[in-house]
Amino acid sequence: MQKRVRPLFYSDEQIVIPPYRFNRVLFILEAVTAGIMLILLVSELTALSNTKPLQLLAHILLFLSAVLLAFSFLQNLAVVTINEEGVTAKGPVTRKRLLWPEIQTMDFVLPLGASRRAPKDRTLCFAAEPQRPGRVRTKGRCILVPLTMEESQTFEAELLPRCQHWRQQ
């Protein structure tokens, strides 16, 4: 069961959705595993050849993979704020903002790999381009907000009408 750092907060002025705590721990485990695999791969590449260019390439690949893993980890720490102006996702390295006049699609989708028969999670999608129903991937600029089934039911019943009201203003 995934738990958020803080629960969803909503008032008349805004809705705040913090990141999951579980995603942090899982990502750290994945990053450590990927790092170990990459080190093993790099050591195999350097063992095959003692030439300086291949060793330099291996070190550059290791550095780039570490930077990409760190960027991906920090990107998952975004806090999503929904208010009368629009939807904003702010994290340590990313800031996305969609104003209500830009948003063409506002609905729920299943995350990749989820079972359509018994979904455990849903993803709230705010997209600047119209999306086709039943899609697997989104196109264009969008803000995706992962929610558990319980959170998505609460959001759909109580908060989605508020979002639709803000969108129509």
Protein backbone atom coordinates (compact mmCIF):
# COMPACT_ATOMS: atom_id res chain seq x y z
CA MET A 1 0.00 0.00 0.00
CA GLN A 2 1.41 3.35 -1.01
CA LYS A 3 1.36 6.16 1.53
CA ARG A 4 1.82 9.83 0.88
CA VAL A 5 4.28 12.02 2.72
CA ARG A 6 1.22 13.99 3.85
CA PRO A 7 -2.44 13.28 3.03
CA LEU A 8 -4.25 15.15 0.27
CA PHE A 9 -5.12 18.65 1.42
CA TYR A 10 -8.02 20.57 0.03
CA SER A 11 -9.77 23.79 0.90
CA ASP A 12 -11.98 26.23 -0.96
CA GLU A 13 -8.91 27.90 -2.52
CA GLN A 14 -6.75 24.94 -3.55
CA ILE A 15 -6.08 21.20 -3.68
CA VAL A 16 -2.58 19.98 -2.76
CA ILE A 17 -1.41 16.47 -3.66
CA PRO A 18 1.98 15.55 -2.12
CA PRO A 19 4.23 12.77 -3.50
CA TYR A 20 4.19 9.17 -2.30
CA ARG A 21 6.64 8.11 0.39
CA PHE A 22 6.77 4.54 -0.99
CA ASN A 23 7.93 5.76 -4.41
CA ARG A 24 11.01 7.28 -2.80
CA VAL A 25 12.05 4.03 -1.11
CA LEU A 26 11.29 1.93 -4.19
CA PHE A 27 13.20 4.31 -6.44
CA ILE A 28 16.24 4.29 -4.14
CA LEU A 29 16.27 0.47 -4.28
CA GLU A 30 15.93 0.57 -8.08
CA ALA A 31 18.68 3.19 -8.36
CA VAL A 32 21.09 1.16 -6.21
CA THR A 33 20.36 -1.99 -8.24
CA ALA A 34 20.77 -0.14 -11.54
CA GLY A 35 24.00 1.43 -10.29
CA ILE A 36 25.45 -1.96 -9.32
CA MET A 37 24.45 -3.41 -12.70
CA LEU A 38 26.03 -0.47 -14.49
CA ILE A 39 29.26 -0.77 -12.51
CA LEU A 40 29.43 -4.47 -13.41
CA LEU A 41 28.82 -3.62 -17.07
CA VAL A 42 31.47 -0.91 -17.04
CA SER A 43 34.00 -3.20 -15.35
CA GLU A 44 33.35 -5.82 -18.05
CA LEU A 45 33.83 -3.23 -20.79
CA THR A 46 37.09 -2.00 -19.29
CA ALA A 47 38.34 -5.56 -18.78
CA LEU A 48 37.81 -6.33 -22.47
CA SER A 49 40.06 -3.53 -23.56
CA ASN A 50 42.71 -1.52 -21.79
CA THR A 51 42.49 1.33 -24.26
CA LYS A 52 41.98 4.80 -22.84
CA PRO A 53 39.06 5.81 -25.16
CA LEU A 54 36.94 2.83 -24.06
CA GLN A 55 37.63 3.53 -20.40
CA LEU A 56 36.76 7.19 -20.90
CA LEU A 57 33.51 6.21 -22.64
CA ALA A 58 32.64 3.85 -19.76
CA HIS A 59 33.21 6.61 -17.19
CA ILE A 60 31.11 9.08 -19.19
CA LEU A 61 28.27 6.52 -19.43
CA LEU A 62 28.46 5.88 -15.69
CA PHE A 63 28.32 9.61 -14.94
CA LEU A 64 25.38 10.19 -17.32
CA SER A 65 23.42 7.28 -15.88
CA ALA A 66 23.95 8.59 -12.34
CA VAL A 67 22.74 12.06 -13.38
CA LEU A 68 19.67 10.61 -15.16
CA LEU A 69 18.79 8.42 -12.16
CA ALA A 70 19.09 11.40 -9.81
CA PHE A 71 16.97 13.57 -12.13
CA SER A 72 14.31 10.86 -12.40
CA PHE A 73 14.24 10.43 -8.61
CA LEU A 74 13.90 14.17 -8.00
CA GLN A 75 11.20 14.45 -10.66
CA ASN A 76 9.01 12.00 -8.68
CA LEU A 77 9.07 14.34 -5.66
CA ALA A 78 6.73 16.89 -7.24
CA VAL A 79 3.87 18.42 -5.27
CA VAL A 80 0.79 19.08 -7.40
CA THR A 81 -1.33 22.13 -6.59
CA ILE A 82 -4.72 22.70 -8.21
CA ASN A 83 -6.38 26.09 -7.76
CA GLU A 84 -8.56 28.59 -9.62
CA GLU A 85 -5.67 29.52 -11.94
CA GLY A 86 -4.79 26.00 -13.06
CA VAL A 87 -2.64 22.98 -12.21
CA THR A 88 0.98 23.29 -11.06
CA ALA A 89 3.52 20.53 -10.38
CA LYS A 90 6.56 21.79 -8.45
CA GLY A 91 9.50 19.58 -7.64
CA PRO A 92 13.18 20.08 -6.89
CA VAL A 93 14.12 20.00 -10.60
CA THR A 94 10.86 20.44 -12.52
CA ARG A 95 8.10 22.98 -12.64
CA LYS A 96 5.08 22.46 -14.87
CA ARG A 97 2.08 24.69 -15.07
CA LEU A 98 -1.11 24.40 -17.07
CA LEU A 99 -3.69 27.17 -16.89
CA TRP A 100 -7.38 26.22 -17.10
CA PRO A 101 -7.86 27.73 -20.60
CA GLU A 102 -4.99 25.49 -21.86
CA ILE A 103 -6.36 22.24 -20.40
CA GLN A 104 -8.25 20.22 -23.02
CA THR A 105 -8.41 16.88 -21.17
CA MET A 106 -9.09 16.24 -17.49
CA ASP A 107 -9.78 12.58 -16.69
CA PHE A 108 -8.47 9.37 -15.12
CA VAL A 109 -6.33 6.73 -16.80
CA LEU A 110 -4.87 3.47 -15.60
CA PRO A 111 -1.10 3.44 -15.15
CA LEU A 112 0.94 1.25 -17.51
CA GLY A 113 0.88 -2.40 -16.47
CA ALA A 114 -2.28 -2.10 -14.36
CA SER A 115 -5.00 -4.68 -14.72
CA ARG A 116 -8.22 -3.28 -16.17
CA ARG A 117 -10.23 -5.87 -14.22
CA ALA A 118 -8.97 -4.95 -10.74
CA PRO A 119 -7.04 -1.69 -10.88
CA LYS A 120 -5.29 -0.66 -7.66
CA ASP A 121 -4.22 2.77 -8.85
CA ARG A 122 -5.42 5.42 -11.25
CA THR A 123 -3.66 8.40 -12.73
CA LEU A 124 -5.30 11.79 -12.96
CA CYS A 125 -4.40 13.45 -16.26
CA PHE A 126 -4.46 17.15 -17.01
CA ALA A 127 -3.41 17.59 -20.66
CA ALA A 128 -3.07 20.59 -22.96
CA GLU A 129 -4.03 18.50 -26.00
CA PRO A 130 -7.23 16.48 -26.45
CA GLN A 131 -6.57 12.82 -25.59
CA ARG A 132 -8.46 9.86 -26.94
CA PRO A 133 -10.44 7.76 -24.44
CA GLY A 134 -8.93 4.43 -23.38
CA ARG A 135 -5.40 5.56 -24.26
CA VAL A 136 -2.26 4.02 -22.83
CA ARG A 137 0.01 7.03 -23.28
CA THR A 138 -0.62 10.75 -23.23
CA LYS A 139 0.44 13.18 -25.93
CA GLY A 140 1.73 16.71 -25.54
CA ARG A 141 2.16 18.77 -22.41
CA CYS A 142 0.48 17.16 -19.45
CA ILE A 143 0.59 16.78 -15.69
CA LEU A 144 -0.01 13.23 -14.46
CA VAL A 145 -0.97 12.68 -10.82
CA PRO A 146 -0.83 9.10 -9.46
CA LEU A 147 -3.64 8.30 -7.01
CA THR A 148 -4.64 5.18 -5.14
CA MET A 149 -8.13 3.85 -5.88
CA GLU A 150 -9.45 5.30 -2.61
CA GLU A 151 -7.91 8.73 -3.32
CA SER A 152 -9.24 8.71 -6.88
CA GLN A 153 -12.77 7.90 -5.67
CA THR A 154 -12.58 10.78 -3.17
CA PHE A 155 -11.18 13.06 -5.85
CA GLU A 156 -13.86 12.06 -8.35
CA ALA A 157 -16.71 12.55 -5.88
CA GLU A 158 -15.59 15.69 -4.05
CA LEU A 159 -12.80 17.46 -5.91
CA LEU A 160 -13.41 16.86 -9.63
CA PRO A 161 -16.56 19.03 -9.57
CA ARG A 162 -14.48 21.82 -8.01
CA CYS A 163 -11.87 21.44 -10.79
CA GLN A 164 -14.63 21.57 -13.42
CA HIS A 165 -16.02 24.72 -11.80
CA TRP A 166 -12.58 26.39 -11.85
CA ARG A 167 -12.11 25.30 -15.45
CA GLN A 168 -15.41 26.88 -16.57
CA GLN A 169 -14.73 30.26 -14.92
